[in-house]
Amino acid sequence: MSDLPTRALDFKDAAQNLNLDTLSASQLLLSGMENAQSDRLDIAIKQFEEVIRREPQNVSAHNNLAVCLKRQGNNKAALEEFKKAIENNPTRCELFNNLAHSYISAGQYDLAVEALYKALRLNPDFAEAHRNLGHVLALKGDNDAALTAFQEALRDNPMLQEVRVDMGDSLRALRRYEQALLEYKTAQKALQGKKGLLPRDIELRLAKCYEGLGEFTQAHKILSSLLESAPNDTDALNCLGVVLWKMNHLPEAVFVLERALKVDPSYPQARNNLGIVLYQLKRYDEAVDVWRQAIGLKPDYPEAHYNMGVALYQSGLLQQSTEAYKECLKYAPYDANAHNNLGLALWRSEQKNDAIAEWRKAIDCDANMAEAFTNLGRALHTAAKREN
């Protein structure tokens, strides 16, 4: 005879039975899942914990408990429960995928990659694991590898058209704007009318591509349309500020970016971009202060560290500039410009060998970076002359 309940337990039933001594483990597990789906997480957690008390090796209870804990923001406890689920069944690829989610939330990207590779060894056609691998690789700054992972996800599941947006994001990060536009437009058509990504989210991405291509009028048109319907959209305001800056409309760019920061004072990207525009206006001290504020809001923000490095270098503060570039590279290790500029700061600081090493890294990151080749060539020529 099945031990599943003949009816679902409602909220009142569950609340009155937190000890749940009269229910079987299977009943508790089913009711816990239903409560979790209805966002009654505290009750669901109690039910899953009771199942585990009775059946310490119950994989489903550990996994569902971990999911609930993660939804409550208790990622540390969730990680431990996912690990226990895997200990009891190390052959379920979904468990490694779930574990990777928690590692990503904790910022432990290398461990997330490791978990996802384990999932894919168990099931090489696991589309969601390929997609998550793409996400974490993009977070690590390796957008070439991320793009490959997203392509694998789409190959595994052609219905997963949302991944085209992810592909577009990686292509845009690689400055392959025309290809990114194609992916976004394909996703826009495929996802029309579906729940999930909002149409304006794709429109904003299209505007960023046009900005990257230098088609500022087209980008301005899209952003103006978005702001007509949502004047406090900080992402659109930030992007419009960048477009106005690149159109050399600097006072207007400052106005728009400050407007974005009035709506959301904790928006680090808008602060970083405001710093760039202020620097262009030769308001140097204000620019550096704004970048420091951006870093205070988001210490792992590589672009703000990079811009600080540029400003400090041009002010002759080589040690501080070096530290800023190193902070940038801590969070964006494949940034060829940061490696190149760090090389310049080190060279002027008489750290010649370290400078040469940075220019080699810049070339490894971007084999087409002429400036790094030039700097490396001059450095090697100078070193050879000294030896002779």
Protein backbone atom coordinates (compact mmCIF):
# COMPACT_ATOMS: atom_id res chain seq x y z
CA MET A 1 0.00 0.00 0.00
CA SER A 2 1.26 3.47 -0.87
CA ASP A 3 2.09 5.78 2.03
CA LEU A 4 1.35 8.92 0.00
CA PRO A 5 -1.44 11.09 1.44
CA THR A 6 -4.88 10.93 -0.14
CA ARG A 7 -5.03 14.74 -0.08
CA ALA A 8 -2.50 17.54 0.07
CA LEU A 9 -1.82 18.93 3.53
CA ASP A 10 -2.83 22.60 3.71
CA PHE A 11 -1.09 25.39 5.59
CA LYS A 12 -3.19 24.92 8.73
CA ASP A 13 -2.49 21.17 8.81
CA ALA A 14 1.25 21.74 8.52
CA ALA A 15 1.37 24.54 11.06
CA GLN A 16 -0.43 22.42 13.62
CA ASN A 17 1.87 19.46 13.07
CA LEU A 18 5.39 20.85 13.28
CA ASN A 19 6.44 17.76 15.23
CA LEU A 20 4.65 15.72 12.57
CA ASP A 21 4.88 12.48 14.52
CA THR A 22 1.78 11.03 12.92
CA LEU A 23 2.92 11.44 9.29
CA SER A 24 5.12 9.07 7.32
CA ALA A 25 8.40 10.26 5.80
CA SER A 26 6.88 10.11 2.32
CA GLN A 27 3.93 12.23 3.44
CA LEU A 28 6.24 14.76 5.01
CA LEU A 29 8.39 14.92 1.89
CA LEU A 30 5.41 15.48 -0.40
CA SER A 31 3.86 18.08 1.89
CA GLY A 32 7.21 19.83 2.24
CA MET A 33 7.50 20.12 -1.53
CA GLU A 34 3.98 21.57 -1.74
CA ASN A 35 4.70 24.08 1.03
CA ALA A 36 7.97 25.05 -0.64
CA GLN A 37 6.16 25.66 -3.93
CA SER A 38 3.72 27.91 -2.05
CA ASP A 39 6.58 29.85 -0.39
CA ARG A 40 5.81 28.47 3.06
CA LEU A 41 9.50 27.87 3.53
CA ASP A 42 9.70 27.74 7.34
CA ILE A 43 7.18 24.89 7.46
CA ALA A 44 8.76 23.10 4.50
CA ILE A 45 12.17 23.27 6.20
CA LYS A 46 10.76 21.74 9.39
CA GLN A 47 9.22 18.92 7.37
CA PHE A 48 12.40 18.15 5.43
CA GLU A 49 14.43 18.23 8.65
CA GLU A 50 12.05 15.72 10.21
CA VAL A 51 12.42 13.42 7.20
CA ILE A 52 16.21 13.63 7.54
CA ARG A 53 16.00 12.92 11.28
CA ARG A 54 14.21 9.68 10.45
CA GLU A 55 16.06 8.90 7.23
CA PRO A 56 19.52 10.54 7.32
CA GLN A 57 20.34 9.26 3.83
CA ASN A 58 17.20 10.61 2.14
CA VAL A 59 18.68 12.39 -0.88
CA SER A 60 15.49 14.17 -1.89
CA ALA A 61 15.01 15.61 1.60
CA HIS A 62 18.58 16.94 1.75
CA ASN A 63 18.25 18.44 -1.74
CA ASN A 64 14.87 20.07 -1.08
CA LEU A 65 16.02 21.36 2.29
CA ALA A 66 19.04 22.93 0.58
CA VAL A 67 16.83 24.60 -2.03
CA CYS A 68 14.61 26.11 0.69
CA LEU A 69 17.57 27.30 2.73
CA LYS A 70 19.08 28.94 -0.35
CA ARG A 71 15.78 30.70 -1.09
CA GLN A 72 15.83 32.05 2.48
CA GLY A 73 19.32 33.42 1.92
CA ASN A 74 21.08 30.86 4.11
CA ASN A 75 23.51 29.83 1.41
CA LYS A 76 26.11 28.41 3.81
CA ALA A 77 23.65 25.89 5.24
CA ALA A 78 22.33 25.15 1.75
CA LEU A 79 25.82 24.23 0.58
CA GLU A 80 26.17 21.69 3.38
CA GLU A 81 22.83 20.08 2.56
CA PHE A 82 23.66 19.82 -1.15
CA LYS A 83 26.94 18.14 -0.20
CA LYS A 84 25.09 15.64 2.02
CA ALA A 85 22.69 14.85 -0.83
CA ILE A 86 25.67 14.16 -3.10
CA GLU A 87 27.37 12.00 -0.46
CA ASN A 88 24.30 9.78 -0.45
CA ASN A 89 23.92 9.71 -4.24
CA PRO A 90 27.00 10.88 -6.18
CA THR A 91 25.53 9.78 -9.54
CA ARG A 92 22.76 12.40 -9.90
CA CYS A 93 23.96 15.18 -12.17
CA GLU A 94 21.19 17.52 -10.98
CA LEU A 95 22.67 17.56 -7.48
CA PHE A 96 26.03 18.82 -8.73
CA ASN A 97 24.21 21.47 -10.78
CA ASN A 98 22.34 22.62 -7.66
CA LEU A 99 25.57 22.65 -5.67
CA ALA A 100 27.14 24.85 -8.35
CA HIS A 101 24.27 27.35 -7.99
CA SER A 102 25.11 27.78 -4.33
CA TYR A 103 28.82 28.12 -5.03
CA ILE A 104 28.02 30.86 -7.56
CA SER A 105 25.89 32.69 -4.97
CA ALA A 106 28.82 32.46 -2.55
CA GLY A 107 31.23 33.84 -5.17
CA GLN A 108 33.18 30.57 -5.17
CA TYR A 109 33.44 30.35 -8.93
CA ASP A 110 36.22 27.78 -9.19
CA LEU A 111 34.29 25.34 -6.99
CA ALA A 112 31.18 26.02 -9.09
CA VAL A 113 33.08 25.15 -12.27
CA GLU A 114 34.36 21.95 -10.66
CA ALA A 115 30.82 20.93 -9.64
CA LEU A 116 29.46 21.64 -13.12
CA TYR A 117 32.17 19.57 -14.80
CA LYS A 118 31.20 16.69 -12.52
CA ALA A 119 27.57 17.12 -13.56
CA LEU A 120 28.58 17.08 -17.23
CA ARG A 121 30.73 13.99 -16.80
CA LEU A 122 27.62 12.23 -15.51
CA ASN A 123 25.46 13.65 -18.31
CA PRO A 124 27.32 15.32 -21.21
CA ASP A 125 23.99 16.47 -22.71
CA PHE A 126 22.79 18.32 -19.59
CA ALA A 127 21.76 21.65 -21.14
CA GLU A 128 21.17 23.48 -17.86
CA ALA A 129 24.63 22.54 -16.58
CA HIS A 130 26.21 23.80 -19.81
CA ARG A 131 24.27 27.05 -19.40
CA ASN A 132 25.31 27.47 -15.77
CA LEU A 133 28.90 26.71 -16.74
CA GLY A 134 28.64 29.53 -19.27
CA HIS A 135 27.34 31.88 -16.59
CA VAL A 136 30.15 31.15 -14.15
CA LEU A 137 32.84 31.34 -16.84
CA ALA A 138 31.45 34.74 -17.87
CA LEU A 139 31.60 35.83 -14.22
CA LYS A 140 35.25 34.75 -14.20
CA GLY A 141 35.84 36.93 -17.26
CA ASP A 142 36.40 34.07 -19.73
CA ASN A 143 33.73 34.95 -22.26
CA ASP A 144 35.24 32.84 -25.06
CA ALA A 145 34.81 29.70 -22.97
CA ALA A 146 31.42 30.93 -21.76
CA LEU A 147 30.24 31.31 -25.34
CA THR A 148 31.24 27.71 -26.11
CA ALA A 149 29.31 26.50 -23.05
CA PHE A 150 26.20 28.44 -24.10
CA GLN A 151 26.42 26.98 -27.60
CA GLU A 152 26.59 23.49 -26.06
CA ALA A 153 23.48 24.24 -24.01
CA LEU A 154 21.56 25.30 -27.11
CA ARG A 155 22.76 22.22 -28.97
CA ASP A 156 21.57 20.00 -26.11
CA ASN A 157 18.18 21.73 -25.93
CA PRO A 158 17.22 23.79 -29.01
CA MET A 159 14.05 24.90 -27.19
CA LEU A 160 16.17 26.78 -24.64
CA GLN A 161 16.09 30.01 -26.65
CA GLU A 162 16.80 32.12 -23.55
CA VAL A 163 20.41 31.01 -23.87
CA ARG A 164 20.70 33.18 -26.99
CA VAL A 165 20.52 36.19 -24.67
CA ASP A 166 23.43 34.72 -22.69
CA MET A 167 25.34 34.19 -25.93
CA GLY A 168 24.65 37.78 -26.90
CA ASP A 169 25.96 38.99 -23.54
CA SER A 170 29.24 37.09 -23.97
CA LEU A 171 29.61 38.25 -27.57
CA ARG A 172 29.02 41.83 -26.44
CA ALA A 173 31.65 41.44 -23.71
CA LEU A 174 34.02 40.25 -26.46
CA ARG A 175 33.04 43.35 -28.51
CA ARG A 176 31.59 41.19 -31.25
CA TYR A 177 28.62 43.51 -31.43
CA GLU A 178 27.15 42.51 -34.78
CA GLN A 179 27.00 38.84 -33.76
CA ALA A 180 25.52 39.87 -30.40
CA LEU A 181 22.82 41.86 -32.21
CA LEU A 182 21.91 38.79 -34.24
CA GLU A 183 21.56 36.62 -31.11
CA TYR A 184 19.47 39.24 -29.30
CA LYS A 185 17.14 39.72 -32.27
CA THR A 186 16.74 35.95 -32.68
CA ALA A 187 15.91 35.64 -28.96
CA GLN A 188 13.54 38.60 -29.18
CA LYS A 189 11.56 36.86 -31.91
CA ALA A 190 11.63 33.40 -30.29
CA LEU A 191 10.65 34.61 -26.80
CA GLN A 192 7.90 36.98 -27.85
CA GLY A 193 4.91 36.54 -25.56
CA LYS A 194 6.72 34.14 -23.22
CA LYS A 195 7.18 34.67 -19.49
CA GLY A 196 10.61 35.47 -18.17
CA LEU A 197 12.87 38.02 -19.81
CA LEU A 198 11.06 41.32 -20.40
CA PRO A 199 11.07 42.78 -23.94
CA ARG A 200 12.67 45.97 -22.58
CA ASP A 201 15.60 43.91 -21.24
CA ILE A 202 16.43 42.83 -24.78
CA GLU A 203 15.83 46.36 -26.10
CA LEU A 204 18.38 47.66 -23.60
CA ARG A 205 20.90 45.06 -24.79
CA LEU A 206 20.27 46.10 -28.41
CA ALA A 207 20.97 49.71 -27.45
CA LYS A 208 24.27 48.67 -25.84
CA CYS A 209 25.27 46.86 -29.04
CA TYR A 210 24.52 49.91 -31.16
CA GLU A 211 26.54 52.00 -28.71
CA GLY A 212 29.43 49.55 -29.08
CA LEU A 213 29.19 49.77 -32.87
CA GLY A 214 29.29 53.56 -32.73
CA GLU A 215 25.70 53.83 -33.98
CA PHE A 216 24.86 56.34 -31.30
CA THR A 217 21.75 57.77 -32.96
CA GLN A 218 20.10 54.34 -33.07
CA ALA A 219 21.11 53.64 -29.46
CA HIS A 220 19.77 57.05 -28.38
CA LYS A 221 16.45 56.34 -30.11
CA ILE A 222 15.95 53.01 -28.31
CA LEU A 223 16.92 54.42 -24.92
CA SER A 224 14.70 57.48 -25.29
CA SER A 225 11.77 55.18 -26.07
CA LEU A 226 12.49 53.04 -23.01
CA LEU A 227 12.69 56.12 -20.79
CA GLU A 228 9.41 57.52 -22.10
CA SER A 229 7.61 54.52 -20.62
CA ALA A 230 9.83 54.19 -17.53
CA PRO A 231 11.61 57.49 -16.75
CA ASN A 232 13.29 56.07 -13.63
CA ASP A 233 14.82 53.05 -15.36
CA THR A 234 18.36 53.36 -13.99
CA ASP A 235 19.85 50.90 -16.49
CA ALA A 236 18.48 52.90 -19.42
CA LEU A 237 19.61 56.18 -17.81
CA ASN A 238 23.10 54.80 -17.27
CA CYS A 239 23.33 53.57 -20.86
CA LEU A 240 22.02 56.89 -22.20
CA GLY A 241 24.69 58.66 -20.15
CA VAL A 242 27.35 56.55 -21.86
CA VAL A 243 25.89 57.29 -25.30
CA LEU A 244 25.81 61.04 -24.60
CA TRP A 245 29.41 60.89 -23.38
CA LYS A 246 30.50 59.13 -26.57
CA MET A 247 28.57 61.72 -28.62
CA ASN A 248 30.68 64.31 -26.72
CA HIS A 249 27.58 65.78 -25.06
CA LEU A 250 29.39 65.83 -21.72
CA PRO A 251 27.20 68.18 -19.60
CA GLU A 252 24.11 66.27 -20.73
CA ALA A 253 25.82 62.98 -19.84
CA VAL A 254 26.58 64.27 -16.33
CA PHE A 255 22.94 65.33 -15.91
CA VAL A 256 21.58 61.93 -16.97
CA LEU A 257 24.04 59.93 -14.86
CA GLU A 258 23.36 62.08 -11.80
CA ARG A 259 19.66 61.51 -12.42
CA ALA A 260 20.28 57.76 -12.39
CA LEU A 261 22.10 58.12 -9.07
CA LYS A 262 19.26 60.14 -7.56
CA VAL A 263 16.98 57.19 -8.31
CA ASP A 264 19.51 54.64 -7.04
CA PRO A 265 22.47 56.09 -5.10
CA SER A 266 23.95 52.58 -4.75
CA TYR A 267 24.34 52.02 -8.53
CA PRO A 268 28.13 51.50 -8.97
CA GLN A 269 28.10 51.39 -12.79
CA ALA A 270 26.50 54.83 -13.00
CA ARG A 271 29.08 56.18 -10.54
CA ASN A 272 31.91 54.69 -12.58
CA ASN A 273 30.57 56.24 -15.79
CA LEU A 274 30.00 59.58 -14.08
CA GLY A 275 33.65 59.47 -13.04
CA ILE A 276 34.68 58.95 -16.67
CA VAL A 277 32.66 61.96 -17.85
CA LEU A 278 33.95 64.16 -15.03
CA TYR A 279 37.48 63.14 -15.95
CA GLN A 280 36.79 64.11 -19.58
CA LEU A 281 35.61 67.49 -18.28
CA LYS A 282 38.97 67.78 -16.44
CA ARG A 283 37.24 67.66 -13.07
CA TYR A 284 39.91 65.21 -11.94
CA ASP A 285 39.50 65.28 -8.17
CA GLU A 286 35.74 64.81 -8.48
CA ALA A 287 36.28 61.90 -10.87
CA VAL A 288 38.63 60.09 -8.49
CA ASP A 289 36.21 60.64 -5.59
CA VAL A 290 33.35 59.20 -7.64
CA TRP A 291 35.41 56.14 -8.60
CA ARG A 292 36.30 55.59 -4.94
CA GLN A 293 32.58 55.72 -4.15
CA ALA A 294 31.89 53.16 -6.90
CA ILE A 295 34.53 50.82 -5.46
CA GLY A 296 33.10 51.34 -1.98
CA LEU A 297 29.72 50.18 -3.28
CA LYS A 298 31.19 47.28 -5.26
CA PRO A 299 34.76 46.35 -4.29
CA ASP A 300 34.88 43.66 -7.01
CA TYR A 301 34.16 46.20 -9.78
CA PRO A 302 37.12 45.89 -12.19
CA GLU A 303 36.22 48.83 -14.43
CA ALA A 304 36.27 51.29 -11.53
CA HIS A 305 39.66 49.98 -10.37
CA TYR A 306 40.92 50.28 -13.96
CA ASN A 307 39.76 53.88 -14.32
CA MET A 308 41.34 54.74 -10.97
CA GLY A 309 44.57 53.22 -12.28
CA VAL A 310 44.48 55.42 -15.38
CA ALA A 311 43.84 58.60 -13.39
CA LEU A 312 46.51 57.82 -10.80
CA TYR A 313 49.06 56.93 -13.50
CA GLN A 314 48.48 60.18 -15.34
CA SER A 315 48.90 62.02 -12.02
CA GLY A 316 52.30 60.36 -11.56
CA LEU A 317 51.15 58.26 -8.59
CA LEU A 318 52.74 55.08 -9.89
CA GLN A 319 52.53 52.91 -6.77
CA GLN A 320 48.83 53.68 -6.27
CA SER A 321 48.22 53.17 -9.99
CA THR A 322 49.94 49.78 -9.85
CA GLU A 323 47.76 48.73 -6.91
CA ALA A 324 44.60 49.84 -8.75
CA TYR A 325 45.47 47.83 -11.86
CA LYS A 326 46.27 44.77 -9.74
CA GLU A 327 42.87 45.09 -8.06
CA CYS A 328 41.26 45.29 -11.50
CA LEU A 329 43.05 42.12 -12.60
CA LYS A 330 42.03 40.30 -9.44
CA TYR A 331 38.43 40.49 -10.71
CA ALA A 332 39.09 40.58 -14.48
CA PRO A 333 42.23 38.48 -15.07
CA TYR A 334 41.77 38.45 -18.86
CA ASP A 335 41.65 42.26 -19.26
CA ALA A 336 44.42 42.90 -21.79
CA ASN A 337 44.27 46.68 -21.34
CA ALA A 338 44.78 46.35 -17.59
CA HIS A 339 47.80 44.06 -18.10
CA ASN A 340 49.24 46.51 -20.63
CA ASN A 341 48.74 49.55 -18.42
CA LEU A 342 50.07 47.73 -15.37
CA GLY A 343 53.16 47.03 -17.46
CA LEU A 344 53.56 50.76 -18.13
CA ALA A 345 53.27 51.62 -14.44
CA LEU A 346 55.76 48.91 -13.48
CA TRP A 347 58.22 50.00 -16.19
CA ARG A 348 58.18 53.59 -14.97
CA SER A 349 58.67 52.24 -11.43
CA GLU A 350 61.88 50.49 -12.60
CA GLN A 351 60.30 47.04 -12.22
CA LYS A 352 61.39 46.08 -15.71
CA ASN A 353 61.02 42.29 -15.57
CA ASP A 354 57.57 42.52 -14.03
CA ALA A 355 56.54 44.98 -16.74
CA ILE A 356 57.69 42.61 -19.49
CA ALA A 357 55.72 39.78 -17.85
CA GLU A 358 52.56 41.94 -17.86
CA TRP A 359 52.93 42.79 -21.56
CA ARG A 360 53.28 39.09 -22.34
CA LYS A 361 50.07 38.45 -20.38
CA ALA A 362 48.33 41.23 -22.31
CA ILE A 363 49.27 39.55 -25.59
CA ASP A 364 48.08 36.18 -24.26
CA CYS A 365 44.71 37.79 -23.51
CA ASP A 366 44.49 39.65 -26.84
CA ALA A 367 46.80 38.52 -29.62
CA ASN A 368 45.77 41.58 -31.68
CA MET A 369 46.77 44.19 -29.11
CA ALA A 370 49.31 46.23 -31.06
CA GLU A 371 50.18 48.51 -28.12
CA ALA A 372 51.28 45.57 -25.96
CA PHE A 373 53.46 44.21 -28.80
CA THR A 374 55.03 47.66 -29.21
CA ASN A 375 55.71 48.05 -25.49
CA LEU A 376 57.15 44.53 -25.24
CA GLY A 377 59.34 45.06 -28.30
CA ARG A 378 60.77 48.32 -26.97
CA ALA A 379 61.37 46.78 -23.55
CA LEU A 380 63.20 43.76 -24.96
CA HIS A 381 65.25 46.03 -27.23
CA THR A 382 66.22 48.21 -24.26
CA ALA A 383 67.11 45.15 -22.19
CA ALA A 384 69.28 43.76 -25.01
CA LYS A 385 71.15 47.08 -25.36
CA ARG A 386 71.89 47.10 -21.63
CA GLU A 387 73.28 43.57 -21.78
CA ASN A 388 75.59 44.57 -24.63
